[in-house]
């Protein structure tokens, strides 16, 4: 594949969208070649002896070769094929391929409130700038789509790039999250726990009972389940009950009290309070809304 370098313009309307793409590209660095190539603009270029500081975020995906990375928050570390480097604005960093291997890299640079929100919520952090994703054809394809869109520069291209970047970002997080749960034993236990919860919605076992049936300590089970799913076992069960409640309200003629008892609530009032707190509508209002929506089809 030929090297591609894109440095992009954007408007005030593009900035209002929440994300603008400043640069994107691919470059092949042969063994013993100088790095980085000299064709980059001065504000992006740097020498491996000094490093640099950017005023934007970048995702740099190494798809071949190996090298080194270091930053203000990260001691010098080796980089290998399949690693993704996250560069943060205002953060000094330096990275370069090994002289004997070179490397192939994709990158995208961007600014905006979308990424700032993710940083604020601790989805990504300068303390963990190297994510070991492995080689992902879906991620490579997204970079290719982004480069093609950037090169065409059709009307509204920045908005389209922002959408592709969101897909790239979610793919990065998804793959990183699942890489950290590669232990088959843990995954089997979590899958079995979720199967049990889904089969027992109307008469649920407590999270403590589920842990005991799986031969796990409750504290380990709760912590690991939340790390993997993002919610506690109890919250997962609550969401399953809500999904089932909406199904019964929209697809059956059971009255509110009957649904309440079927879902193991003490009475219709408790069920209505539970439902409205999460949906903003009472069960009766939800059923009427669904009925009205269906009558328009």
Protein backbone atom coordinates (compact mmCIF):
# COMPACT_ATOMS: atom_id res chain seq x y z
CA UNK A 1 0.00 0.00 0.00
CA UNK A 2 1.26 3.49 -0.85
CA UNK A 3 1.83 6.10 1.81
CA UNK A 4 -1.08 8.51 2.32
CA UNK A 5 -1.02 11.77 4.25
CA UNK A 6 -4.12 13.93 4.72
CA UNK A 7 -4.24 17.30 6.50
CA UNK A 8 -7.80 18.54 6.57
CA UNK A 9 -9.77 21.78 6.67
CA UNK A 10 -12.90 22.26 8.75
CA UNK A 11 -15.62 24.85 9.33
CA UNK A 12 -17.39 26.26 12.39
CA UNK A 13 -20.34 23.98 11.60
CA UNK A 14 -18.00 20.99 11.63
CA UNK A 15 -16.69 22.01 15.06
CA UNK A 16 -20.27 22.33 16.32
CA UNK A 17 -20.78 18.65 15.45
CA UNK A 18 -18.50 17.75 18.36
CA UNK A 19 -15.50 16.26 16.55
CA UNK A 20 -13.25 17.47 13.74
CA UNK A 21 -10.58 15.40 12.01
CA UNK A 22 -7.31 17.24 11.49
CA UNK A 23 -5.16 14.57 9.90
CA UNK A 24 -5.23 10.94 8.80
CA UNK A 25 -2.84 8.69 6.98
CA UNK A 26 -0.87 5.54 6.44
CA UNK A 27 2.86 5.16 6.07
CA UNK A 28 5.24 2.28 5.54
CA UNK A 29 8.62 2.67 7.21
CA UNK A 30 11.18 0.28 5.78
CA UNK A 31 13.95 -1.19 7.93
CA UNK A 32 16.85 1.29 8.35
CA UNK A 33 14.75 4.14 6.90
CA UNK A 34 14.66 7.52 8.64
CA UNK A 35 11.65 8.27 10.84
CA UNK A 36 9.46 10.17 10.53
CA UNK A 37 9.43 10.94 6.80
CA UNK A 38 10.19 14.56 5.99
CA UNK A 39 6.94 15.32 4.14
CA UNK A 40 4.91 16.08 7.29
CA UNK A 41 4.08 19.72 8.14
CA UNK A 42 6.38 21.33 10.68
CA UNK A 43 3.79 21.38 13.48
CA UNK A 44 3.35 17.58 13.16
CA UNK A 45 6.92 16.56 12.50
CA UNK A 46 9.34 15.60 15.23
CA UNK A 47 12.70 13.93 15.67
CA UNK A 48 13.04 10.80 17.79
CA UNK A 49 15.76 12.50 19.81
CA UNK A 50 13.42 15.20 21.17
CA UNK A 51 9.84 13.96 20.87
CA UNK A 52 6.96 16.44 20.53
CA UNK A 53 3.75 17.85 22.00
CA UNK A 54 0.53 18.05 19.95
CA UNK A 55 -2.62 20.10 20.54
CA UNK A 56 -4.91 17.24 19.49
CA UNK A 57 -5.63 13.57 20.06
CA UNK A 58 -4.30 10.85 17.78
CA UNK A 59 -4.88 7.11 17.41
CA UNK A 60 -1.78 5.49 15.88
CA UNK A 61 -2.29 1.83 14.93
CA UNK A 62 0.82 -0.27 14.29
CA UNK A 63 -0.11 -3.04 11.84
CA UNK A 64 3.39 -4.34 11.09
CA UNK A 65 6.77 -4.16 12.80
CA UNK A 66 7.85 -3.06 16.25
CA UNK A 67 9.29 -0.07 18.04
CA UNK A 68 9.35 2.09 21.17
CA UNK A 69 7.00 4.54 22.90
CA UNK A 70 7.50 6.96 25.81
CA UNK A 71 5.48 9.87 27.18
CA UNK A 72 5.07 12.09 30.23
CA UNK A 73 2.85 9.51 31.91
CA UNK A 74 4.39 6.35 30.44
CA UNK A 75 7.90 5.00 30.90
CA UNK A 76 9.71 3.72 27.81
CA UNK A 77 7.90 0.66 26.50
CA UNK A 78 8.23 -1.68 23.56
CA UNK A 79 5.57 -1.47 20.84
CA UNK A 80 4.61 -4.47 18.71
CA UNK A 81 2.38 -5.33 15.79
CA UNK A 82 -1.26 -4.84 16.75
CA UNK A 83 -0.64 -2.15 19.37
CA UNK A 84 -2.56 1.11 19.27
CA UNK A 85 -0.93 4.29 20.60
CA UNK A 86 -3.12 7.08 22.02
CA UNK A 87 -1.57 10.55 21.89
CA UNK A 88 -3.06 13.22 24.15
CA UNK A 89 -3.02 17.01 23.65
CA UNK A 90 -0.41 18.79 25.76
CA UNK A 91 1.30 15.48 26.56
CA UNK A 92 4.95 15.12 25.58
CA UNK A 93 5.53 11.85 23.74
CA UNK A 94 7.98 10.09 21.50
CA UNK A 95 7.71 6.93 19.43
CA UNK A 96 9.63 5.32 16.59
CA UNK A 97 10.08 1.96 14.84
CA UNK A 98 12.97 -0.40 15.50
CA UNK A 99 15.72 0.19 12.97
CA UNK A 100 15.80 -3.48 11.94
CA UNK A 101 12.05 -3.97 11.51
CA UNK A 102 10.55 -0.63 10.53
CA UNK A 103 6.76 -0.58 10.78
CA UNK A 104 3.47 0.19 9.05
CA UNK A 105 1.18 2.66 10.81
CA UNK A 106 -2.27 4.14 10.38
CA UNK A 107 -3.17 7.30 12.24
CA UNK A 108 -5.98 9.76 12.74
CA UNK A 109 -5.76 13.11 14.53
CA UNK A 110 -8.81 14.86 15.94
CA UNK A 111 -10.23 17.40 18.39
CA UNK A 112 -13.58 17.94 20.06
CA UNK A 113 -15.92 17.43 22.97
CA UNK A 114 -16.67 13.79 22.14
CA UNK A 115 -13.20 12.56 23.09
CA UNK A 116 -12.96 14.99 25.99
CA UNK A 117 -16.11 13.43 27.43
CA UNK A 118 -14.61 9.92 27.12
CA UNK A 119 -11.44 11.06 28.87
CA UNK A 120 -13.48 12.72 31.62
CA UNK A 121 -15.34 9.43 32.15
CA UNK A 122 -12.02 7.50 32.26
CA UNK A 123 -12.58 5.36 29.18
CA UNK A 124 -9.04 6.32 28.08
CA UNK A 125 -6.18 7.90 30.01
CA UNK A 126 -2.61 9.18 29.48
CA UNK A 127 -1.45 6.62 32.05
CA UNK A 128 -2.42 3.82 29.64
CA UNK A 129 -1.50 5.05 26.14
CA UNK A 130 -0.66 1.66 24.59
CA UNK A 131 -3.57 -0.71 23.96
CA UNK A 132 -2.74 -4.24 22.86
CA UNK A 133 -5.50 -4.95 20.32
CA UNK A 134 -3.84 -7.38 17.94
CA UNK A 135 -4.43 -7.15 14.20
CA UNK A 136 -8.05 -6.38 13.44
CA UNK A 137 -9.32 -6.39 9.86
CA UNK A 138 -12.41 -4.43 10.92
CA UNK A 139 -10.27 -1.68 12.44
CA UNK A 140 -8.01 -1.55 9.37
CA UNK A 141 -11.11 -1.28 7.16
CA UNK A 142 -12.38 1.65 9.23
CA UNK A 143 -9.06 3.46 8.78
CA UNK A 144 -9.29 2.77 5.04
CA UNK A 145 -12.85 4.15 4.91
CA UNK A 146 -11.71 7.23 6.81
CA UNK A 147 -8.82 7.82 4.40
CA UNK A 148 -11.03 7.41 1.33
CA UNK A 149 -13.59 9.88 2.73
CA UNK A 150 -10.86 12.34 3.67
CA UNK A 151 -9.29 12.19 0.22
CA UNK A 152 -12.60 12.76 -1.57
CA UNK A 153 -13.48 15.85 0.54
CA UNK A 154 -17.12 15.87 -0.56
CA UNK A 155 -19.63 18.26 1.02
CA UNK A 156 -20.12 17.33 4.67
CA UNK A 157 -17.05 15.08 4.69
CA UNK A 158 -16.03 16.19 8.20
CA UNK A 159 -19.37 15.02 9.59
CA UNK A 160 -18.90 11.64 7.91
CA UNK A 161 -15.35 11.44 9.27
CA UNK A 162 -16.66 12.16 12.76
CA UNK A 163 -19.02 9.19 12.43
CA UNK A 164 -16.23 6.89 11.25
CA UNK A 165 -14.03 8.09 14.11
CA UNK A 166 -16.75 7.22 16.62
CA UNK A 167 -16.87 3.73 15.09
CA UNK A 168 -13.07 3.48 15.33
CA UNK A 169 -13.16 4.65 18.95
CA UNK A 170 -15.86 2.18 19.98
CA UNK A 171 -14.06 -0.64 18.13
CA UNK A 172 -10.83 0.19 19.97
CA UNK A 173 -12.58 0.15 23.34
CA UNK A 174 -14.51 -3.04 22.54
CA UNK A 175 -11.43 -4.94 21.43
CA UNK A 176 -9.30 -3.68 24.31
CA UNK A 177 -11.99 -4.58 26.83
CA UNK A 178 -12.31 -8.10 25.46
CA UNK A 179 -8.55 -8.59 25.22
CA UNK A 180 -8.37 -8.01 28.97
CA UNK A 181 -10.83 -10.90 29.50
CA UNK A 182 -9.08 -13.58 27.52
CA UNK A 183 -9.27 -16.21 30.30
CA UNK A 184 -11.71 -18.89 29.07
CA UNK A 185 -12.58 -19.92 32.63
CA UNK A 186 -13.71 -16.39 33.53
CA UNK A 187 -15.69 -15.97 30.31
CA UNK A 188 -17.42 -19.33 30.79
CA UNK A 189 -18.46 -18.38 34.33
CA UNK A 190 -19.77 -14.98 33.26
CA UNK A 191 -21.66 -16.47 30.30
CA UNK A 192 -23.21 -19.12 32.56
CA UNK A 193 -24.24 -16.46 35.08
CA UNK A 194 -25.97 -14.42 32.37
CA UNK A 195 -27.72 -17.51 31.00
CA UNK A 196 -29.02 -18.28 34.49
CA UNK A 197 -30.29 -14.73 34.96
CA UNK A 198 -32.07 -14.73 31.59
CA UNK A 199 -33.76 -18.07 32.31
CA UNK A 200 -34.89 -16.97 35.79
CA UNK A 201 -36.32 -13.51 35.14
CA UNK A 202 -39.70 -14.32 36.68
CA UNK A 203 -38.20 -16.15 39.70
CA UNK A 204 -34.66 -14.80 39.98
CA UNK A 205 -31.95 -16.19 42.22
CA UNK A 206 -30.02 -13.57 44.14
CA UNK A 207 -26.51 -12.68 42.88
CA UNK A 208 -25.15 -14.35 46.02
CA UNK A 209 -27.02 -17.56 45.19
CA UNK A 210 -25.81 -17.47 41.58
CA UNK A 211 -22.20 -17.06 42.72
CA UNK A 212 -22.59 -20.03 45.07
CA UNK A 213 -24.08 -22.21 42.32
CA UNK A 214 -21.13 -21.37 40.11
CA UNK A 215 -18.64 -22.16 42.88
CA UNK A 216 -17.43 -18.56 43.11
CA UNK A 217 -16.99 -16.14 45.97
CA UNK A 218 -19.63 -13.42 45.77
CA UNK A 219 -17.13 -10.54 46.06
CA UNK A 220 -15.04 -11.92 43.15
CA UNK A 221 -18.15 -12.63 41.07
CA UNK A 222 -19.64 -9.16 41.61
CA UNK A 223 -16.37 -7.35 40.88
CA UNK A 224 -15.55 -9.39 37.78
CA UNK A 225 -19.11 -9.23 36.43
CA UNK A 226 -19.14 -5.43 36.76
CA UNK A 227 -15.68 -5.09 35.19
CA UNK A 228 -16.86 -7.12 32.20
CA UNK A 229 -20.39 -5.80 31.67
CA UNK A 230 -20.13 -2.32 33.22
CA UNK A 231 -22.98 -3.01 35.67
CA UNK A 232 -23.40 -5.13 38.80
CA UNK A 233 -25.20 -8.51 38.70
CA UNK A 234 -28.16 -6.96 40.54
CA UNK A 235 -28.42 -4.12 38.00
CA UNK A 236 -28.19 -6.64 35.15
CA UNK A 237 -31.15 -8.52 36.64
CA UNK A 238 -33.11 -5.28 36.99
CA UNK A 239 -32.55 -4.47 33.33
CA UNK A 240 -33.68 -7.97 32.32
CA UNK A 241 -36.89 -7.48 34.33
CA UNK A 242 -37.48 -4.15 32.61
CA UNK A 243 -37.00 -5.69 29.15
CA UNK A 244 -39.43 -8.49 30.07
CA UNK A 245 -41.94 -5.98 31.47
CA UNK A 246 -41.93 -4.01 28.21
CA UNK A 247 -42.40 -7.23 26.27
CA UNK A 248 -45.42 -8.26 28.38
CA UNK A 249 -46.95 -4.79 28.19
CA UNK A 250 -46.64 -4.60 24.42
CA UNK A 251 -47.33 -8.21 23.41
CA UNK A 252 -49.89 -9.55 25.90
CA UNK A 253 -53.25 -8.54 27.37
CA UNK A 254 -52.19 -9.27 30.97
CA UNK A 255 -53.23 -6.48 33.30
CA UNK A 256 -50.69 -4.50 35.34
CA UNK A 257 -51.21 -6.53 38.51
CA UNK A 258 -50.78 -9.83 36.66
CA UNK A 259 -47.54 -8.61 35.08
CA UNK A 260 -46.34 -7.39 38.46
CA UNK A 261 -46.82 -10.80 40.05
CA UNK A 262 -45.35 -12.61 37.06
CA UNK A 263 -42.18 -10.52 37.44
CA UNK A 264 -42.00 -11.19 41.20
CA UNK A 265 -43.07 -7.73 42.42
CA UNK A 266 -45.08 -7.54 45.62
CA UNK A 267 -47.94 -5.64 44.00
CA UNK A 268 -48.91 -3.47 41.03
CA UNK A 269 -47.93 -0.27 42.78
CA UNK A 270 -44.36 -1.43 43.37
CA UNK A 271 -44.11 -2.49 39.73
CA UNK A 272 -45.46 0.86 38.51
CA UNK A 273 -42.95 2.77 40.65
CA UNK A 274 -40.12 0.57 39.36
CA UNK A 275 -41.19 1.00 35.74
CA UNK A 276 -41.76 4.76 35.80
CA UNK A 277 -38.42 5.41 37.52
CA UNK A 278 -36.63 3.78 34.61
CA UNK A 279 -38.84 4.64 31.62
CA UNK A 280 -40.41 7.95 32.62
CA UNK A 281 -43.88 6.46 31.96
CA UNK A 282 -46.20 4.32 34.04
CA UNK A 283 -46.87 0.81 32.70
CA UNK A 284 -50.35 1.98 31.63
CA UNK A 285 -48.92 5.01 29.80
CA UNK A 286 -46.29 2.84 28.12
CA UNK A 287 -48.94 0.36 26.92
CA UNK A 288 -51.08 3.21 25.54
CA UNK A 289 -48.05 4.72 23.79
CA UNK A 290 -47.14 1.38 22.18
CA UNK A 291 -50.75 0.83 21.11
CA UNK A 292 -50.95 4.29 19.54
CA UNK A 293 -47.64 3.81 17.74
CA UNK A 294 -48.74 0.45 16.33
CA UNK A 295 -52.06 1.85 15.10
CA UNK A 296 -50.18 4.35 12.91
CA UNK A 297 -48.25 1.67 11.06
